[in-house]
Amino acid sequence: MTDAQESRTADRRQPASYLFVPGNRPDRFAKATASGADTIIIDLEDAVVPDEKETARSAAMAWFAQGGAGVLRINGADTPWFASDIEALAGFGEALIMVPKANVAALSHVSRHLPGRRLIPLIESVEGYIEVQEIATLSCVCRIAFGNLDFGLDARIPDTGASLDPVRLQITIASRHAGLPPPIDGVTVDLEDAAMLAVDIARARALGFTAKLCLHPRQVAAVNEGFAPTKAEVDQARRIVAAASLAKGGVVQLDGKMIDRPVVERAQALLDQTDTDLSAETLE
């Protein structure tokens, strides 16, 4: 990555849990915020029927006007509500915008009308996937999310879990190449199956994702815990980075083993993710 690309990852503590809340249910906005989710997504798209689109938009704008935080998922570029959503957002510069069925054209359109705004493209179409490398390099993009359900439908792939892992991996690689934070995985639709949620989290994490979209507050705690480094991982990372510091640029050894530079860098990245202060750390 270039220095410019690396600078896009300056905010190391990225959210792990993104909780959807219907835009036409303003009574749930504060509850969603208090759920433990790192970020809420006020949804104007799938969760809102056509007759309530304007009501939902007004409720979302009122939330932001009153100092509420979060991401706003607008309606898609192929809908009659797209332009109105963008127009309404002109006065709320702090709100992040999630663009559904994202492609280069839609993201560029939003960016032209809302210059300087941070966008989260939702890759949920074959077109968006084909363009993902270009999407990742757009200056307006701050992080990429995967819409596994709609992608599976568009790609005519019935399974939206492990069968889509090659797509997930490409999104991770595109994000890394562009200097973006690791991407956000899609939803787990079964709200009752905790084991399935745990499997989905573990698989996404193994593929380089560090966050997940949540459909219900009951999923938030598992997502936060599942994407957080374990105590054992943090302890080992501390020891690796401390050993590298003691080596002062020389060969790094720990527990009788040689430690390669990529291992040290991975350990430092993990500690950066947890905001760990190593200034006083020493080897045990």
C-alpha atoms as a PDB file:
ATOM      1  CA  MET A   1       0.000   0.000   0.000  1.00  0.00           C
ATOM      2  CA  THR A   2       1.020   3.573  -0.579  1.00  0.00           C
ATOM      3  CA  ASP A   3       1.269   6.116   2.252  1.00  0.00           C
ATOM      4  CA  ALA A   4      -2.007   7.654   1.072  1.00  0.00           C
ATOM      5  CA  GLN A   5      -3.736   4.293   1.205  1.00  0.00           C
ATOM      6  CA  GLU A   6      -2.306   3.529   4.636  1.00  0.00           C
ATOM      7  CA  SER A   7      -3.649   6.825   5.959  1.00  0.00           C
ATOM      8  CA  ARG A   8      -7.196   5.630   5.279  1.00  0.00           C
ATOM      9  CA  THR A   9      -6.796   3.159   8.172  1.00  0.00           C
ATOM     10  CA  ALA A  10      -5.815   5.810  10.718  1.00  0.00           C
ATOM     11  CA  ASP A  11      -8.890   5.080  12.856  1.00  0.00           C
ATOM     12  CA  ARG A  12      -7.797   1.672  14.089  1.00  0.00           C
ATOM     13  CA  ARG A  13     -10.672   1.001  16.477  1.00  0.00           C
ATOM     14  CA  GLN A  14     -13.346   0.111  13.987  1.00  0.00           C
ATOM     15  CA  PRO A  15     -16.839  -1.036  15.037  1.00  0.00           C
ATOM     16  CA  ALA A  16     -17.419  -4.784  15.192  1.00  0.00           C
ATOM     17  CA  SER A  17     -21.216  -4.819  15.471  1.00  0.00           C
ATOM     18  CA  TYR A  18     -23.607  -2.902  13.229  1.00  0.00           C
ATOM     19  CA  LEU A  19     -27.242  -3.241  14.312  1.00  0.00           C
ATOM     20  CA  PHE A  20     -30.063  -2.535  11.877  1.00  0.00           C
ATOM     21  CA  VAL A  21     -33.105  -0.653  13.153  1.00  0.00           C
ATOM     22  CA  PRO A  22     -36.110   0.183  10.939  1.00  0.00           C
ATOM     23  CA  GLY A  23     -36.272   3.850  10.036  1.00  0.00           C
ATOM     24  CA  ASN A  24     -40.018   3.917  10.627  1.00  0.00           C
ATOM     25  CA  ARG A  25     -39.557   2.862  14.258  1.00  0.00           C
ATOM     26  CA  PRO A  26     -37.959   5.908  15.928  1.00  0.00           C
ATOM     27  CA  ASP A  27     -39.025   4.475  19.283  1.00  0.00           C
ATOM     28  CA  ARG A  28     -36.315   1.852  18.769  1.00  0.00           C
ATOM     29  CA  PHE A  29     -33.431   4.172  17.847  1.00  0.00           C
ATOM     30  CA  ALA A  30     -32.322   4.900  21.421  1.00  0.00           C
ATOM     31  CA  LYS A  31     -32.939   1.286  22.458  1.00  0.00           C
ATOM     32  CA  ALA A  32     -30.736   0.079  19.618  1.00  0.00           C
ATOM     33  CA  THR A  33     -28.025   2.526  20.667  1.00  0.00           C
ATOM     34  CA  ALA A  34     -28.206   1.150  24.218  1.00  0.00           C
ATOM     35  CA  SER A  35     -28.045  -2.475  23.028  1.00  0.00           C
ATOM     36  CA  GLY A  36     -24.260  -2.660  23.174  1.00  0.00           C
ATOM     37  CA  ALA A  37     -23.884  -2.403  19.410  1.00  0.00           C
ATOM     38  CA  ASP A  38     -20.885  -0.397  18.304  1.00  0.00           C
ATOM     39  CA  THR A  39     -22.965   1.323  15.639  1.00  0.00           C
ATOM     40  CA  ILE A  40     -26.623   1.357  14.660  1.00  0.00           C
ATOM     41  CA  ILE A  41     -27.831   1.443  11.065  1.00  0.00           C
ATOM     42  CA  ILE A  42     -31.082   3.296  10.595  1.00  0.00           C
ATOM     43  CA  ASP A  43     -32.611   1.515   7.643  1.00  0.00           C
ATOM     44  CA  LEU A  44     -34.660   3.314   5.018  1.00  0.00           C
ATOM     45  CA  GLU A  45     -34.470   0.422   2.568  1.00  0.00           C
ATOM     46  CA  ASP A  46     -35.512  -3.200   3.151  1.00  0.00           C
ATOM     47  CA  ALA A  47     -37.087  -2.686   6.579  1.00  0.00           C
ATOM     48  CA  VAL A  48     -39.500   0.011   5.390  1.00  0.00           C
ATOM     49  CA  VAL A  49     -42.528  -0.518   3.153  1.00  0.00           C
ATOM     50  CA  PRO A  50     -43.064   1.995   0.329  1.00  0.00           C
ATOM     51  CA  ASP A  51     -45.928   3.816   2.035  1.00  0.00           C
ATOM     52  CA  GLU A  52     -43.708   4.642   5.022  1.00  0.00           C
ATOM     53  CA  LYS A  53     -40.540   5.726   3.229  1.00  0.00           C
ATOM     54  CA  GLU A  54     -41.087   9.443   3.778  1.00  0.00           C
ATOM     55  CA  THR A  55     -42.067   8.936   7.420  1.00  0.00           C
ATOM     56  CA  ALA A  56     -38.937   6.874   7.994  1.00  0.00           C
ATOM     57  CA  ARG A  57     -36.736   9.474   6.316  1.00  0.00           C
ATOM     58  CA  SER A  58     -38.192  12.268   8.474  1.00  0.00           C
ATOM     59  CA  ALA A  59     -37.692  10.203  11.641  1.00  0.00           C
ATOM     60  CA  ALA A  60     -34.065   9.498  10.723  1.00  0.00           C
ATOM     61  CA  MET A  61     -33.356  13.159  10.007  1.00  0.00           C
ATOM     62  CA  ALA A  62     -34.920  14.125  13.343  1.00  0.00           C
ATOM     63  CA  TRP A  63     -32.634  11.615  15.069  1.00  0.00           C
ATOM     64  CA  PHE A  64     -29.525  13.137  13.521  1.00  0.00           C
ATOM     65  CA  ALA A  65     -30.769  16.686  14.130  1.00  0.00           C
ATOM     66  CA  GLN A  66     -31.065  15.867  17.830  1.00  0.00           C
ATOM     67  CA  GLY A  67     -27.472  14.651  17.986  1.00  0.00           C
ATOM     68  CA  GLY A  68     -28.100  10.972  17.381  1.00  0.00           C
ATOM     69  CA  ALA A  69     -25.291   8.972  15.810  1.00  0.00           C
ATOM     70  CA  GLY A  70     -25.199   6.087  13.418  1.00  0.00           C
ATOM     71  CA  VAL A  71     -25.191   4.970   9.817  1.00  0.00           C
ATOM     72  CA  LEU A  72     -28.104   5.638   7.474  1.00  0.00           C
ATOM     73  CA  ARG A  73     -28.873   2.997   4.861  1.00  0.00           C
ATOM     74  CA  ILE A  74     -30.521   4.886   2.037  1.00  0.00           C
ATOM     75  CA  ASN A  75     -32.667   3.424  -0.713  1.00  0.00           C
ATOM     76  CA  GLY A  76     -30.993   2.119  -3.839  1.00  0.00           C
ATOM     77  CA  ALA A  77     -30.189   4.113  -6.941  1.00  0.00           C
ATOM     78  CA  ASP A  78     -32.845   2.178  -8.873  1.00  0.00           C
ATOM     79  CA  THR A  79     -35.673   3.354  -6.575  1.00  0.00           C
ATOM     80  CA  PRO A  80     -37.818   6.518  -6.600  1.00  0.00           C
ATOM     81  CA  TRP A  81     -36.617   7.439  -3.076  1.00  0.00           C
ATOM     82  CA  PHE A  82     -32.886   7.588  -3.817  1.00  0.00           C
ATOM     83  CA  ALA A  83     -32.728  11.270  -4.797  1.00  0.00           C
ATOM     84  CA  SER A  84     -34.872  12.391  -1.858  1.00  0.00           C
ATOM     85  CA  ASP A  85     -32.726  10.449   0.592  1.00  0.00           C
ATOM     86  CA  ILE A  86     -29.598  12.164  -0.705  1.00  0.00           C
ATOM     87  CA  GLU A  87     -31.236  15.587  -0.632  1.00  0.00           C
ATOM     88  CA  ALA A  88     -32.333  15.097   2.973  1.00  0.00           C
ATOM     89  CA  LEU A  89     -28.804  14.167   4.045  1.00  0.00           C
ATOM     90  CA  ALA A  90     -27.272  17.416   2.810  1.00  0.00           C
ATOM     91  CA  GLY A  91     -27.663  19.033   6.213  1.00  0.00           C
ATOM     92  CA  PHE A  92     -26.279  16.161   8.277  1.00  0.00           C
ATOM     93  CA  GLY A  93     -22.595  15.958   7.505  1.00  0.00           C
ATOM     94  CA  GLU A  94     -21.636  13.566  10.309  1.00  0.00           C
ATOM     95  CA  ALA A  95     -23.966  10.739   9.328  1.00  0.00           C
ATOM     96  CA  LEU A  96     -22.276   7.837   7.549  1.00  0.00           C
ATOM     97  CA  ILE A  97     -24.191   6.576   4.551  1.00  0.00           C
ATOM     98  CA  MET A  98     -24.631   2.926   3.603  1.00  0.00           C
ATOM     99  CA  VAL A  99     -25.331   2.547  -0.110  1.00  0.00           C
ATOM    100  CA  PRO A 100     -27.221  -0.644  -1.008  1.00  0.00           C
ATOM    101  CA  LYS A 101     -26.509  -2.623  -4.169  1.00  0.00           C
ATOM    102  CA  ALA A 102     -23.458  -0.446  -4.491  1.00  0.00           C
ATOM    103  CA  ASN A 103     -21.626   0.021  -7.755  1.00  0.00           C
ATOM    104  CA  VAL A 104     -19.210   2.670  -8.983  1.00  0.00           C
ATOM    105  CA  ALA A 105     -21.929   4.714 -10.654  1.00  0.00           C
ATOM    106  CA  ALA A 106     -24.176   4.883  -7.576  1.00  0.00           C
ATOM    107  CA  LEU A 107     -21.326   5.724  -5.211  1.00  0.00           C
ATOM    108  CA  SER A 108     -19.984   8.393  -7.541  1.00  0.00           C
ATOM    109  CA  HIS A 109     -23.451   9.924  -7.789  1.00  0.00           C
ATOM    110  CA  VAL A 110     -23.828  10.115  -4.014  1.00  0.00           C
ATOM    111  CA  SER A 111     -20.332  11.547  -3.656  1.00  0.00           C
ATOM    112  CA  ARG A 112     -20.991  14.248  -6.249  1.00  0.00           C
ATOM    113  CA  HIS A 113     -24.125  15.395  -4.450  1.00  0.00           C
ATOM    114  CA  LEU A 114     -22.678  14.993  -0.949  1.00  0.00           C
ATOM    115  CA  PRO A 115     -18.978  15.795  -1.366  1.00  0.00           C
ATOM    116  CA  GLY A 116     -16.687  14.729   1.417  1.00  0.00           C
ATOM    117  CA  ARG A 117     -19.152  12.272   2.899  1.00  0.00           C
ATOM    118  CA  ARG A 118     -18.036   8.853   4.112  1.00  0.00           C
ATOM    119  CA  LEU A 119     -19.813   5.977   2.413  1.00  0.00           C
ATOM    120  CA  ILE A 120     -20.147   2.280   3.232  1.00  0.00           C
ATOM    121  CA  PRO A 121     -20.879   0.417  -0.002  1.00  0.00           C
ATOM    122  CA  LEU A 122     -22.944  -2.723   0.463  1.00  0.00           C
ATOM    123  CA  ILE A 123     -21.711  -5.302  -2.026  1.00  0.00           C
ATOM    124  CA  GLU A 124     -24.828  -7.317  -2.778  1.00  0.00           C
ATOM    125  CA  SER A 125     -24.896  -7.692  -6.534  1.00  0.00           C
ATOM    126  CA  VAL A 126     -22.710  -9.407  -9.089  1.00  0.00           C
ATOM    127  CA  GLU A 127     -22.022  -6.007 -10.638  1.00  0.00           C
ATOM    128  CA  GLY A 128     -20.804  -4.622  -7.321  1.00  0.00           C
ATOM    129  CA  TYR A 129     -18.582  -7.645  -6.821  1.00  0.00           C
ATOM    130  CA  ILE A 130     -17.048  -7.318 -10.290  1.00  0.00           C
ATOM    131  CA  GLU A 131     -16.309  -3.652  -9.510  1.00  0.00           C
ATOM    132  CA  VAL A 132     -15.182  -4.184  -5.908  1.00  0.00           C
ATOM    133  CA  GLN A 133     -11.529  -3.335  -6.510  1.00  0.00           C
ATOM    134  CA  GLU A 134     -12.479  -0.023  -8.119  1.00  0.00           C
ATOM    135  CA  ILE A 135     -15.091   0.634  -5.432  1.00  0.00           C
ATOM    136  CA  ALA A 136     -12.492   0.137  -2.708  1.00  0.00           C
ATOM    137  CA  THR A 137     -10.247   2.826  -4.204  1.00  0.00           C
ATOM    138  CA  LEU A 138     -12.934   5.537  -4.291  1.00  0.00           C
ATOM    139  CA  SER A 139     -11.978   8.308  -1.878  1.00  0.00           C
ATOM    140  CA  CYS A 140     -15.523   8.483  -0.499  1.00  0.00           C
ATOM    141  CA  VAL A 141     -15.466   4.862   0.682  1.00  0.00           C
ATOM    142  CA  CYS A 142     -14.530   4.319   4.325  1.00  0.00           C
ATOM    143  CA  ARG A 143     -15.318   0.605   4.703  1.00  0.00           C
ATOM    144  CA  ILE A 144     -16.995  -2.143   2.680  1.00  0.00           C
ATOM    145  CA  ALA A 145     -19.878  -4.362   3.800  1.00  0.00           C
ATOM    146  CA  PHE A 146     -21.084  -7.621   2.260  1.00  0.00           C
ATOM    147  CA  GLY A 147     -24.800  -8.119   1.638  1.00  0.00           C
ATOM    148  CA  ASN A 148     -24.773 -11.901   1.500  1.00  0.00           C
ATOM    149  CA  LEU A 149     -28.536 -12.435   1.127  1.00  0.00           C
ATOM    150  CA  ASP A 150     -29.108 -10.165  -1.858  1.00  0.00           C
ATOM    151  CA  PHE A 151     -25.810 -11.230  -3.405  1.00  0.00           C
ATOM    152  CA  GLY A 152     -26.830 -14.875  -3.254  1.00  0.00           C
ATOM    153  CA  LEU A 153     -30.131 -13.998  -4.896  1.00  0.00           C
ATOM    154  CA  ASP A 154     -28.503 -11.962  -7.663  1.00  0.00           C
ATOM    155  CA  ALA A 155     -25.791 -14.564  -8.265  1.00  0.00           C
ATOM    156  CA  ARG A 156     -28.353 -17.414  -8.192  1.00  0.00           C
ATOM    157  CA  ILE A 157     -26.476 -19.157  -5.400  1.00  0.00           C
ATOM    158  CA  PRO A 158     -28.934 -20.629  -2.870  1.00  0.00           C
ATOM    159  CA  ASP A 159     -26.473 -20.849   0.039  1.00  0.00           C
ATOM    160  CA  THR A 160     -25.425 -17.487   1.473  1.00  0.00           C
ATOM    161  CA  GLY A 161     -22.996 -18.954   4.004  1.00  0.00           C
ATOM    162  CA  ALA A 162     -19.824 -20.871   3.236  1.00  0.00           C
ATOM    163  CA  SER A 163     -20.552 -21.101  -0.501  1.00  0.00           C
ATOM    164  CA  LEU A 164     -19.930 -17.357  -0.754  1.00  0.00           C
ATOM    165  CA  ASP A 165     -16.570 -17.452   1.023  1.00  0.00           C
ATOM    166  CA  PRO A 166     -14.610 -16.874  -2.220  1.00  0.00           C
ATOM    167  CA  VAL A 167     -16.556 -13.628  -2.608  1.00  0.00           C
ATOM    168  CA  ARG A 168     -15.805 -12.675   0.988  1.00  0.00           C
ATOM    169  CA  LEU A 169     -12.094 -13.291   0.459  1.00  0.00           C
ATOM    170  CA  GLN A 170     -12.015 -11.032  -2.592  1.00  0.00           C
ATOM    171  CA  ILE A 171     -13.723  -8.247  -0.632  1.00  0.00           C
ATOM    172  CA  THR A 172     -11.085  -8.613   2.082  1.00  0.00           C
ATOM    173  CA  ILE A 173      -8.259  -8.457  -0.440  1.00  0.00           C
ATOM    174  CA  ALA A 174      -9.744  -5.446  -2.234  1.00  0.00           C
ATOM    175  CA  SER A 175     -10.142  -3.652   1.100  1.00  0.00           C
ATOM    176  CA  ARG A 176      -6.562  -4.382   2.091  1.00  0.00           C
ATOM    177  CA  HIS A 177      -5.144  -3.323  -1.268  1.00  0.00           C
ATOM    178  CA  ALA A 178      -6.991   0.008  -1.030  1.00  0.00           C
ATOM    179  CA  GLY A 179      -5.895   0.638   2.565  1.00  0.00           C
ATOM    180  CA  LEU A 180      -9.416   0.306   3.965  1.00  0.00           C
ATOM    181  CA  PRO A 181     -10.269  -1.232   7.330  1.00  0.00           C
ATOM    182  CA  PRO A 182     -11.225  -4.918   7.182  1.00  0.00           C
ATOM    183  CA  PRO A 183     -14.740  -5.387   5.831  1.00  0.00           C
ATOM    184  CA  ILE A 184     -18.100  -6.055   7.486  1.00  0.00           C
ATOM    185  CA  ASP A 185     -19.765  -9.437   6.968  1.00  0.00           C
ATOM    186  CA  GLY A 186     -23.442  -9.890   6.174  1.00  0.00           C
ATOM    187  CA  VAL A 187     -26.277 -11.074   8.383  1.00  0.00           C
ATOM    188  CA  THR A 188     -27.155 -14.372   9.994  1.00  0.00           C
ATOM    189  CA  VAL A 189     -30.896 -14.696   9.531  1.00  0.00           C
ATOM    190  CA  ASP A 190     -31.653 -17.372  12.137  1.00  0.00           C
ATOM    191  CA  LEU A 191     -32.083 -15.369  15.338  1.00  0.00           C
ATOM    192  CA  GLU A 192     -32.552 -18.475  17.482  1.00  0.00           C
ATOM    193  CA  ASP A 193     -29.502 -20.496  16.412  1.00  0.00           C
ATOM    194  CA  ALA A 194     -26.596 -19.262  18.521  1.00  0.00           C
ATOM    195  CA  ALA A 195     -24.353 -22.041  17.215  1.00  0.00           C
ATOM    196  CA  MET A 196     -24.896 -20.973  13.615  1.00  0.00           C
ATOM    197  CA  LEU A 197     -24.115 -17.366  14.526  1.00  0.00           C
ATOM    198  CA  ALA A 198     -20.873 -18.474  16.207  1.00  0.00           C
ATOM    199  CA  VAL A 199     -19.873 -20.483  13.130  1.00  0.00           C
ATOM    200  CA  ASP A 200     -20.626 -17.537  10.834  1.00  0.00           C
ATOM    201  CA  ILE A 201     -18.557 -15.197  13.009  1.00  0.00           C
ATOM    202  CA  ALA A 202     -15.601 -17.567  13.193  1.00  0.00           C
ATOM    203  CA  ARG A 203     -15.621 -18.138   9.419  1.00  0.00           C
ATOM    204  CA  ALA A 204     -15.857 -14.425   8.651  1.00  0.00           C
ATOM    205  CA  ARG A 205     -13.024 -13.661  11.043  1.00  0.00           C
ATOM    206  CA  ALA A 206     -10.859 -16.360   9.447  1.00  0.00           C
ATOM    207  CA  LEU A 207     -11.469 -14.671   6.081  1.00  0.00           C
ATOM    208  CA  GLY A 208     -10.254 -11.296   7.322  1.00  0.00           C
ATOM    209  CA  PHE A 209     -13.554  -9.662   8.320  1.00  0.00           C
ATOM    210  CA  THR A 210     -13.613  -7.860  11.651  1.00  0.00           C
ATOM    211  CA  ALA A 211     -17.286  -6.871  11.870  1.00  0.00           C
ATOM    212  CA  LYS A 212     -20.779  -8.130  11.148  1.00  0.00           C
ATOM    213  CA  LEU A 213     -24.246  -6.795  10.406  1.00  0.00           C
ATOM    214  CA  CYS A 214     -26.818  -7.693  13.058  1.00  0.00           C
ATOM    215  CA  LEU A 215     -30.560  -8.081  12.577  1.00  0.00           C
ATOM    216  CA  HIS A 216     -31.500  -8.182  16.259  1.00  0.00           C
ATOM    217  CA  PRO A 217     -30.031  -6.923  19.554  1.00  0.00           C
ATOM    218  CA  ARG A 218     -29.681 -10.499  20.797  1.00  0.00           C
ATOM    219  CA  GLN A 219     -26.912 -11.027  18.206  1.00  0.00           C
ATOM    220  CA  VAL A 220     -24.821  -8.066  19.324  1.00  0.00           C
ATOM    221  CA  ALA A 221     -23.016  -9.554  22.318  1.00  0.00           C
ATOM    222  CA  ALA A 222     -21.963 -12.650  20.393  1.00  0.00           C
ATOM    223  CA  VAL A 223     -20.670 -10.537  17.512  1.00  0.00           C
ATOM    224  CA  ASN A 224     -18.709  -8.218  19.799  1.00  0.00           C
ATOM    225  CA  GLU A 225     -17.177 -11.156  21.641  1.00  0.00           C
ATOM    226  CA  GLY A 226     -16.553 -13.203  18.506  1.00  0.00           C
ATOM    227  CA  PHE A 227     -14.555 -10.504  16.740  1.00  0.00           C
ATOM    228  CA  ALA A 228     -12.608  -9.398  19.815  1.00  0.00           C
ATOM    229  CA  PRO A 229      -9.136 -10.890  20.255  1.00  0.00           C
ATOM    230  CA  THR A 230      -9.020 -13.473  23.034  1.00  0.00           C
ATOM    231  CA  LYS A 231      -6.934 -12.863  26.148  1.00  0.00           C
ATOM    232  CA  ALA A 232      -4.516 -15.562  24.990  1.00  0.00           C
ATOM    233  CA  GLU A 233      -4.118 -13.855  21.604  1.00  0.00           C
ATOM    234  CA  VAL A 234      -3.484 -10.469  23.217  1.00  0.00           C
ATOM    235  CA  ASP A 235      -0.989 -11.917  25.694  1.00  0.00           C
ATOM    236  CA  GLN A 236       0.939 -13.670  22.941  1.00  0.00           C
ATOM    237  CA  ALA A 237       0.907 -10.536  20.796  1.00  0.00           C
ATOM    238  CA  ARG A 238       2.332  -8.536  23.701  1.00  0.00           C
ATOM    239  CA  ARG A 239       5.166 -11.031  24.094  1.00  0.00           C
ATOM    240  CA  ILE A 240       5.949 -11.022  20.355  1.00  0.00           C
ATOM    241  CA  VAL A 241       6.054  -7.218  20.129  1.00  0.00           C
ATOM    242  CA  ALA A 242       8.099  -6.974  23.324  1.00  0.00           C
ATOM    243  CA  ALA A 243      10.578  -9.522  21.955  1.00  0.00           C
ATOM    244  CA  ALA A 244      10.886  -7.523  18.735  1.00  0.00           C
ATOM    245  CA  SER A 245      11.520  -4.371  20.728  1.00  0.00           C
ATOM    246  CA  LEU A 246      14.294  -6.040  22.712  1.00  0.00           C
ATOM    247  CA  ALA A 247      15.866  -7.333  19.492  1.00  0.00           C
ATOM    248  CA  LYS A 248      16.333  -3.713  18.304  1.00  0.00           C
ATOM    249  CA  GLY A 249      16.135  -4.641  14.640  1.00  0.00           C
ATOM    250  CA  GLY A 250      18.034  -7.894  15.013  1.00  0.00           C
ATOM    251  CA  VAL A 251      16.800 -11.466  14.866  1.00  0.00           C
ATOM    252  CA  VAL A 252      13.646 -11.911  16.928  1.00  0.00           C
ATOM    253  CA  GLN A 253      13.400 -15.043  19.058  1.00  0.00           C
ATOM    254  CA  LEU A 254      10.673 -16.145  21.429  1.00  0.00           C
ATOM    255  CA  ASP A 255      10.336 -19.470  23.247  1.00  0.00           C
ATOM    256  CA  GLY A 256      13.224 -20.827  21.205  1.00  0.00           C
ATOM    257  CA  LYS A 257      11.613 -19.990  17.885  1.00  0.00           C
ATOM    258  CA  MET A 258      12.487 -17.462  15.216  1.00  0.00           C
ATOM    259  CA  ILE A 259       9.799 -14.789  14.739  1.00  0.00           C
ATOM    260  CA  ASP A 260       9.442 -13.457  11.197  1.00  0.00           C
ATOM    261  CA  ARG A 261       8.583  -9.825  10.470  1.00  0.00           C
ATOM    262  CA  PRO A 262       5.017 -10.598   9.234  1.00  0.00           C
ATOM    263  CA  VAL A 263       4.304 -12.298  12.562  1.00  0.00           C
ATOM    264  CA  VAL A 264       5.496  -9.208  14.445  1.00  0.00           C
ATOM    265  CA  GLU A 265       3.414  -6.931  12.243  1.00  0.00           C
ATOM    266  CA  ARG A 266       0.338  -9.101  12.736  1.00  0.00           C
ATOM    267  CA  ALA A 267       0.855  -9.009  16.489  1.00  0.00           C
ATOM    268  CA  GLN A 268       1.195  -5.228  16.448  1.00  0.00           C
ATOM    269  CA  ALA A 269      -1.958  -4.911  14.338  1.00  0.00           C
ATOM    270  CA  LEU A 270      -3.879  -6.989  16.854  1.00  0.00           C
ATOM    271  CA  LEU A 271      -2.681  -4.787  19.694  1.00  0.00           C
ATOM    272  CA  ASP A 272      -3.586  -1.675  17.726  1.00  0.00           C
ATOM    273  CA  GLN A 273      -7.072  -3.125  17.320  1.00  0.00           C
ATOM    274  CA  THR A 274      -7.414  -3.497  21.075  1.00  0.00           C
ATOM    275  CA  ASP A 275      -5.796  -0.104  21.739  1.00  0.00           C
ATOM    276  CA  THR A 276      -3.212  -1.773  23.947  1.00  0.00           C
ATOM    277  CA  ASP A 277      -0.468   0.408  25.440  1.00  0.00           C
ATOM    278  CA  LEU A 278       2.844  -1.422  25.364  1.00  0.00           C
ATOM    279  CA  SER A 279       4.985   1.341  26.751  1.00  0.00           C
ATOM    280  CA  ALA A 280       5.619  -0.535  30.001  1.00  0.00           C
ATOM    281  CA  GLU A 281       5.465  -4.080  28.667  1.00  0.00           C
ATOM    282  CA  THR A 282       8.318  -6.499  29.254  1.00  0.00           C
ATOM    283  CA  LEU A 283       8.820 -10.170  28.627  1.00  0.00           C
ATOM    284  CA  GLU A 284       7.659 -12.482  31.357  1.00  0.00           C
END
